Amino acid sequence: MFDYGVVGNGLLGAAAAAELAGKGFSVCVAGARYAASDRYFSSHEDDSRIHRTWHRDDYWETLSAVNHPALLALERETGTAIFTPSPVYYDFQELSFVPAPEGDAYLDANGFAYLDKCGGIIDPRRYIAALNASAVRRGASIRQGVVERVDPVSGGYRISVPAQPFDCRKVMDTRGVHAPADAGVRVQAKILLFFTHERGPERHCFLKTGADSSPFRDVYACVDIGRANGRSLSKFGFSERRPVFLEPGDAVTHWFRTGYRDYPHLDEALEQVGAAGLGRAHDVVVRPCAFTVTEDARPRVRIDGDRLTLGGCNGMAAKCCQALVSRVLEDHGF
């Protein structure tokens, strides 16, 4: 009988396991391997997410600021490289920004006049691996597999993982887009565009506001994150004014398998790539993504007895998973 069972081994689940094990509790975390049996997929199956200290919502900005030193401490503890400092440019001004370098033709052409003070790129897969390593070092157990059921038993709950069921006194469910339908969150479907181009601007990220006529509220990118076929590799993402939402369950799996090919704004997305000033795009690949959202853009916490469900992270978990989990556990005395 573990003190805690953590359901889902993405960023939030891995952070919860490390946090709880660090407090001396016995913990077992269970989660499916990414794309297991061509059934389960995650938005974290990616090696580059923008880390930025500014957000439109003070809630996320505060968590990002708290998380940054925790992330760096995790790197030192595990010897795992997670964060790469890189410029993050904006085309609008906030107090936490500093002026971008003047006289740069690329920046001027895109209207990038401001620079985040502490920007960079996070590798989610390495982040999860480092959190798992920290959790195991603190005594946690990890069981890889699809969590099929969570059932009440005498004194707690039984978490059913194929061939590895286990019992626990409390459950923290962090399954995100694969959470039960009653989790109280919506699943928003996204795409990412990966492509190569002739080497141009050095590695950086940006967040650019969309024109009023655009289907996108903003466009964001990680530029020159690697090399492929002798060219620079970059990634673009988009925040739609009218998002695509999915019903939990089969619709999510369908989106990750083939549904993303029907993304309604693909032509406009490709236009944004062409207008970015990176040169001609080659080897363009569309990849699916999804995350949970809430109406107030804050995380949704539901508690039923000794079972806590956390979701609705609105795409922000990669930037502040450690701080978010710590705050939720403290705020709810869980």
Protein backbone atom coordinates (compact mmCIF):
# COMPACT_ATOMS: atom_id res chain seq x y z
CA MET A 1 0.00 0.00 0.00
CA PHE A 2 1.73 3.17 -1.25
CA ASP A 3 0.94 6.52 0.30
CA TYR A 4 0.31 8.01 -3.16
CA GLY A 5 -0.44 6.63 -6.58
CA VAL A 6 0.20 9.06 -9.45
CA VAL A 7 -1.72 8.36 -12.64
CA GLY A 8 0.01 9.64 -15.77
CA ASN A 9 3.74 10.04 -16.24
CA GLY A 10 3.88 13.21 -18.29
CA LEU A 11 5.36 16.43 -16.93
CA LEU A 12 2.75 16.88 -14.20
CA GLY A 13 2.80 13.25 -13.08
CA ALA A 14 6.59 13.08 -13.04
CA ALA A 15 6.75 16.37 -11.11
CA ALA A 16 4.17 15.09 -8.61
CA ALA A 17 6.11 11.86 -8.04
CA ALA A 18 9.35 13.75 -7.42
CA GLU A 19 7.64 16.28 -5.12
CA LEU A 20 5.81 13.69 -3.02
CA ALA A 21 8.76 11.30 -2.79
CA GLY A 22 10.93 14.23 -1.74
CA LYS A 23 8.59 14.78 1.21
CA GLY A 24 9.17 11.23 2.39
CA PHE A 25 5.98 9.59 1.11
CA SER A 26 5.96 6.22 -0.60
CA VAL A 27 4.93 6.85 -4.21
CA CYS A 28 4.19 4.81 -7.31
CA VAL A 29 3.67 6.57 -10.65
CA ALA A 30 2.11 4.77 -13.61
CA GLY A 31 1.77 5.97 -17.19
CA ALA A 32 1.66 4.75 -20.75
CA ARG A 33 4.70 4.82 -22.96
CA TYR A 34 4.24 7.52 -25.57
CA ALA A 35 2.33 6.22 -28.61
CA ALA A 36 1.99 2.85 -26.89
CA SER A 37 0.29 0.35 -29.22
CA ASP A 38 -0.52 3.25 -31.55
CA ARG A 39 -3.19 4.28 -29.04
CA TYR A 40 -1.79 6.80 -26.59
CA PHE A 41 -0.15 10.07 -27.50
CA SER A 42 1.05 13.16 -25.69
CA SER A 43 1.78 16.79 -26.42
CA HIS A 44 5.11 16.24 -24.66
CA GLU A 45 6.42 13.91 -27.38
CA ASP A 46 8.50 16.83 -28.53
CA ASP A 47 11.99 18.15 -27.86
CA SER A 48 11.42 21.90 -27.93
CA ARG A 49 8.95 24.02 -26.00
CA ILE A 50 9.34 27.76 -25.46
CA HIS A 51 10.30 28.82 -21.95
CA ARG A 52 9.35 32.41 -21.25
CA THR A 53 8.89 34.46 -18.12
CA TRP A 54 6.08 36.67 -19.41
CA HIS A 55 2.44 35.60 -19.76
CA ARG A 56 -0.79 37.48 -20.27
CA ASP A 57 -2.01 35.89 -17.02
CA ASP A 58 -0.14 36.82 -13.82
CA TYR A 59 -0.91 33.35 -12.43
CA TRP A 60 1.24 31.62 -15.04
CA GLU A 61 3.89 34.33 -15.00
CA THR A 62 4.39 33.88 -11.26
CA LEU A 63 4.59 30.09 -11.56
CA SER A 64 7.11 30.35 -14.41
CA ALA A 65 9.33 32.60 -12.31
CA VAL A 66 9.18 30.19 -9.37
CA ASN A 67 9.76 27.16 -11.60
CA HIS A 68 12.87 28.46 -13.36
CA PRO A 69 15.32 27.99 -10.44
CA ALA A 70 13.66 24.65 -9.58
CA LEU A 71 14.26 23.45 -13.15
CA LEU A 72 17.92 24.51 -13.01
CA ALA A 73 18.32 22.76 -9.66
CA LEU A 74 16.89 19.58 -11.20
CA GLU A 75 19.46 19.81 -14.00
CA ARG A 76 22.25 20.01 -11.44
CA GLU A 77 20.83 17.14 -9.38
CA THR A 78 20.41 14.72 -12.28
CA GLY A 79 23.04 15.92 -14.74
CA THR A 80 20.33 16.11 -17.42
CA ALA A 81 20.32 19.05 -19.86
CA ILE A 82 16.72 20.33 -20.00
CA PHE A 83 16.91 24.08 -20.60
CA THR A 84 18.77 25.92 -23.36
CA PRO A 85 18.91 29.71 -22.92
CA SER A 86 17.80 31.38 -26.15
CA PRO A 87 16.38 34.80 -27.03
CA VAL A 88 12.59 35.00 -27.00
CA TYR A 89 11.32 37.94 -29.04
CA TYR A 90 7.94 39.70 -28.93
CA ASP A 91 6.26 42.27 -31.17
CA PHE A 92 4.51 43.96 -28.23
CA GLN A 93 5.82 45.60 -25.08
CA GLU A 94 5.47 44.55 -21.45
CA LEU A 95 7.30 45.74 -18.36
CA SER A 96 9.24 42.49 -18.02
CA PHE A 97 10.84 42.91 -21.45
CA VAL A 98 14.04 44.63 -22.49
CA PRO A 99 14.67 46.16 -25.93
CA ALA A 100 15.77 43.77 -28.66
CA PRO A 101 19.04 44.49 -30.48
CA GLU A 102 18.63 47.42 -32.86
CA GLY A 103 19.54 47.37 -36.53
CA ASP A 104 18.79 43.68 -37.12
CA ALA A 105 16.96 43.35 -40.44
CA TYR A 106 15.21 40.11 -39.46
CA LEU A 107 13.93 41.55 -36.17
CA ASP A 108 12.87 44.81 -37.81
CA ALA A 109 10.98 43.01 -40.60
CA ASN A 110 8.95 41.02 -38.06
CA GLY A 111 8.44 43.88 -35.64
CA PHE A 112 10.32 42.10 -32.85
CA ALA A 113 11.25 45.07 -30.69
CA TYR A 114 11.30 43.39 -27.27
CA LEU A 115 13.15 40.53 -25.64
CA ASP A 116 12.20 38.30 -22.69
CA LYS A 117 14.74 38.57 -19.87
CA CYS A 118 14.97 34.85 -19.17
CA GLY A 119 13.84 33.02 -22.28
CA GLY A 120 14.90 29.70 -23.71
CA ILE A 121 13.86 26.25 -24.89
CA ILE A 122 12.80 23.27 -22.75
CA ASP A 123 13.09 19.65 -23.86
CA PRO A 124 9.94 18.00 -22.35
CA ARG A 125 11.16 14.45 -22.81
CA ARG A 126 14.39 15.17 -20.97
CA TYR A 127 12.43 17.10 -18.34
CA ILE A 128 10.24 14.04 -17.67
CA ALA A 129 13.29 11.75 -17.60
CA ALA A 130 15.03 14.02 -15.08
CA LEU A 131 11.94 14.22 -12.85
CA ASN A 132 11.61 10.43 -12.99
CA ALA A 133 15.27 10.02 -12.07
CA SER A 134 14.83 12.39 -9.13
CA ALA A 135 11.68 10.57 -7.99
CA VAL A 136 13.38 7.16 -8.14
CA ARG A 137 16.40 8.51 -6.26
CA ARG A 138 13.97 9.57 -3.53
CA GLY A 139 12.41 6.12 -3.37
CA ALA A 140 9.50 6.28 -5.82
CA SER A 141 8.48 3.37 -8.05
CA ILE A 142 7.60 3.72 -11.74
CA ARG A 143 5.35 1.32 -13.63
CA GLN A 144 5.07 1.74 -17.38
CA GLY A 145 1.73 0.90 -18.89
CA VAL A 146 -1.76 2.14 -19.62
CA VAL A 147 -3.77 2.77 -16.45
CA GLU A 148 -6.98 0.91 -17.15
CA ARG A 149 -8.94 1.52 -13.94
CA VAL A 150 -8.82 3.31 -10.62
CA ASP A 151 -11.12 1.60 -8.10
CA PRO A 152 -11.83 2.14 -4.41
CA VAL A 153 -10.58 -0.63 -2.13
CA SER A 154 -10.36 -0.99 1.61
CA GLY A 155 -8.11 1.79 2.90
CA GLY A 156 -7.58 3.48 -0.45
CA TYR A 157 -7.55 2.74 -4.18
CA ARG A 158 -6.35 0.09 -6.60
CA ILE A 159 -4.68 1.34 -9.77
CA SER A 160 -4.87 -1.27 -12.53
CA VAL A 161 -1.86 -1.37 -14.81
CA PRO A 162 -1.46 -4.52 -16.99
CA ALA A 163 0.27 -7.18 -14.90
CA GLN A 164 1.27 -4.54 -12.32
CA PRO A 165 -1.75 -3.43 -10.25
CA PHE A 166 -0.98 -1.66 -6.99
CA ASP A 167 -2.82 -0.12 -4.05
CA CYS A 168 -2.43 3.35 -2.60
CA ARG A 169 -4.05 5.55 0.02
CA LYS A 170 -4.35 8.64 -2.19
CA VAL A 171 -4.49 9.16 -5.97
CA MET A 172 -3.26 12.11 -8.01
CA ASP A 173 -4.59 11.85 -11.57
CA THR A 174 -2.61 13.89 -14.13
CA ARG A 175 -3.59 12.20 -17.39
CA GLY A 176 -4.35 15.41 -19.28
CA VAL A 177 -5.95 14.73 -22.66
CA HIS A 178 -6.50 11.10 -21.62
CA ALA A 179 -8.27 12.02 -18.37
CA PRO A 180 -11.79 10.71 -17.69
CA ALA A 181 -14.63 12.60 -19.38
CA ASP A 182 -15.80 13.99 -16.02
CA ALA A 183 -12.48 15.75 -15.32
CA GLY A 184 -14.10 19.11 -16.09
CA VAL A 185 -11.72 20.26 -18.83
CA ARG A 186 -11.85 20.56 -22.61
CA VAL A 187 -9.32 19.08 -25.01
CA GLN A 188 -8.02 21.57 -27.56
CA ALA A 189 -6.51 20.17 -30.75
CA LYS A 190 -3.41 21.79 -32.22
CA ILE A 191 -0.83 21.26 -34.91
CA LEU A 192 2.87 22.02 -35.13
CA LEU A 193 4.78 22.65 -38.35
CA PHE A 194 8.35 21.39 -38.58
CA PHE A 195 10.43 22.37 -41.59
CA THR A 196 13.96 23.01 -42.78
CA HIS A 197 15.35 26.17 -44.36
CA GLU A 198 18.66 27.63 -45.36
CA ARG A 199 20.57 28.79 -42.33
CA GLY A 200 19.43 32.25 -41.30
CA PRO A 201 18.97 33.82 -37.86
CA GLU A 202 20.66 32.08 -34.95
CA ARG A 203 18.58 29.97 -32.57
CA HIS A 204 15.76 31.93 -30.96
CA CYS A 205 12.04 31.81 -30.20
CA PHE A 206 9.29 34.32 -30.78
CA LEU A 207 5.68 35.12 -29.99
CA LYS A 208 4.00 37.30 -32.59
CA THR A 209 0.47 38.68 -32.52
CA GLY A 210 -1.71 37.81 -35.50
CA ALA A 211 -3.37 40.36 -37.74
CA ASP A 212 -7.09 40.96 -37.20
CA SER A 213 -7.83 39.13 -40.45
CA SER A 214 -5.79 36.09 -39.41
CA PRO A 215 -7.39 32.96 -37.89
CA PHE A 216 -4.57 33.04 -35.31
CA ARG A 217 -4.47 35.11 -32.16
CA ASP A 218 -0.71 34.64 -32.16
CA VAL A 219 2.04 32.64 -33.83
CA TYR A 220 4.96 31.19 -31.92
CA ALA A 221 8.13 29.45 -33.07
CA CYS A 222 11.42 27.84 -32.11
CA VAL A 223 13.90 28.76 -34.85
CA ASP A 224 17.10 26.86 -35.69
CA ILE A 225 16.56 24.16 -33.04
CA GLY A 226 18.60 21.61 -34.97
CA ARG A 227 19.96 20.49 -38.31
CA ALA A 228 18.43 18.21 -40.95
CA ASN A 229 19.55 17.55 -44.51
CA GLY A 230 22.22 20.23 -44.13
CA ARG A 231 19.66 22.92 -43.27
CA SER A 232 18.29 24.56 -40.14
CA LEU A 233 15.27 22.92 -38.51
CA SER A 234 12.52 25.12 -37.09
CA LYS A 235 9.08 24.63 -35.54
CA PHE A 236 5.96 26.83 -35.67
CA GLY A 237 2.80 26.68 -33.55
CA PHE A 238 -0.44 28.65 -33.54
CA SER A 239 -3.08 29.92 -31.11
CA GLU A 240 -6.38 29.86 -32.98
CA ARG A 241 -9.06 32.49 -32.47
CA ARG A 242 -11.62 29.69 -32.89
CA PRO A 243 -9.96 26.59 -31.44
CA VAL A 244 -10.69 23.03 -32.50
CA PHE A 245 -12.06 21.03 -29.56
CA LEU A 246 -12.19 17.25 -29.17
CA GLU A 247 -14.44 14.98 -27.18
CA PRO A 248 -12.46 12.89 -24.67
CA GLY A 249 -11.55 9.35 -25.61
CA ASP A 250 -11.62 8.09 -29.19
CA ALA A 251 -11.70 11.57 -30.73
CA VAL A 252 -8.35 12.37 -29.12
CA THR A 253 -6.79 9.17 -30.39
CA HIS A 254 -8.22 9.83 -33.87
CA TRP A 255 -6.75 13.35 -33.88
CA PHE A 256 -3.27 12.05 -33.18
CA ARG A 257 -3.54 9.25 -35.73
CA THR A 258 -5.04 10.96 -38.77
CA GLY A 259 -7.53 13.66 -37.72
CA TYR A 260 -4.90 16.40 -37.62
CA ARG A 261 -4.64 16.14 -41.41
CA ASP A 262 -8.00 17.94 -41.57
CA TYR A 263 -6.78 20.93 -39.57
CA PRO A 264 -8.88 23.78 -40.98
CA HIS A 265 -6.21 26.51 -41.07
CA LEU A 266 -3.29 24.69 -42.65
CA ASP A 267 -3.02 27.02 -45.66
CA GLU A 268 -2.92 30.08 -43.40
CA ALA A 269 -0.35 28.38 -41.17
CA LEU A 270 1.91 27.74 -44.14
CA GLU A 271 1.52 31.39 -45.14
CA GLN A 272 2.81 32.40 -41.70
CA VAL A 273 5.87 30.23 -42.23
CA GLY A 274 6.50 31.85 -45.60
CA ALA A 275 6.16 35.35 -44.18
CA ALA A 276 8.58 34.82 -41.29
CA GLY A 277 11.69 35.78 -43.23
CA LEU A 278 13.47 32.46 -42.82
CA GLY A 279 13.70 31.70 -46.53
CA ARG A 280 12.06 28.90 -48.45
CA ALA A 281 10.65 26.08 -46.32
CA HIS A 282 11.68 22.51 -47.21
CA ASP A 283 10.58 19.10 -45.90
CA VAL A 284 7.49 20.50 -44.16
CA VAL A 285 5.98 18.05 -41.64
CA VAL A 286 2.67 18.55 -39.84
CA ARG A 287 2.48 16.99 -36.38
CA PRO A 288 -0.53 16.78 -34.06
CA CYS A 289 -0.67 18.21 -30.58
CA ALA A 290 -3.37 18.69 -27.95
CA PHE A 291 -3.77 19.91 -24.39
CA THR A 292 -6.52 20.56 -21.87
CA VAL A 293 -7.99 24.01 -21.36
CA THR A 294 -10.46 25.76 -19.08
CA GLU A 295 -12.66 28.82 -19.56
CA ASP A 296 -10.65 30.93 -17.12
CA ALA A 297 -7.27 29.64 -18.40
CA ARG A 298 -6.41 28.37 -14.92
CA PRO A 299 -5.81 24.74 -13.95
CA ARG A 300 -8.79 22.69 -12.86
CA VAL A 301 -8.46 20.75 -9.60
CA ARG A 302 -11.15 18.27 -8.62
CA ILE A 303 -11.07 16.37 -5.35
CA ASP A 304 -13.26 13.37 -4.63
CA GLY A 305 -12.33 11.84 -1.30
CA ASP A 306 -8.62 11.06 -1.46
CA ARG A 307 -8.47 11.38 -5.23
CA LEU A 308 -7.26 14.61 -6.85
CA THR A 309 -7.53 15.23 -10.60
CA LEU A 310 -5.39 18.00 -12.11
CA GLY A 311 -5.93 19.26 -15.67
CA GLY A 312 -6.62 22.33 -17.74
CA CYS A 313 -3.03 23.48 -17.90
CA ASN A 314 -3.69 25.45 -21.09
CA GLY A 315 -0.36 24.58 -22.68
CA MET A 316 1.64 26.06 -19.80
CA ALA A 317 2.71 22.91 -17.92
CA ALA A 318 6.07 22.56 -19.65
CA LYS A 319 7.13 25.95 -18.33
CA CYS A 320 6.11 25.49 -14.72
CA CYS A 321 5.19 21.88 -13.90
CA GLN A 322 7.23 21.70 -10.68
CA ALA A 323 5.89 24.98 -9.30
CA LEU A 324 2.33 24.15 -10.38
CA VAL A 325 2.28 20.75 -8.69
CA SER A 326 3.83 22.16 -5.52
CA ARG A 327 1.21 24.93 -5.34
CA VAL A 328 -1.72 22.58 -5.99
CA LEU A 329 -0.60 20.14 -3.30
CA GLU A 330 -0.08 22.97 -0.81
CA ASP A 331 -3.28 24.87 -1.62
CA HIS A 332 -5.43 21.77 -1.29
CA GLY A 333 -3.58 20.13 1.59
CA PHE A 334 -3.31 16.95 -0.41
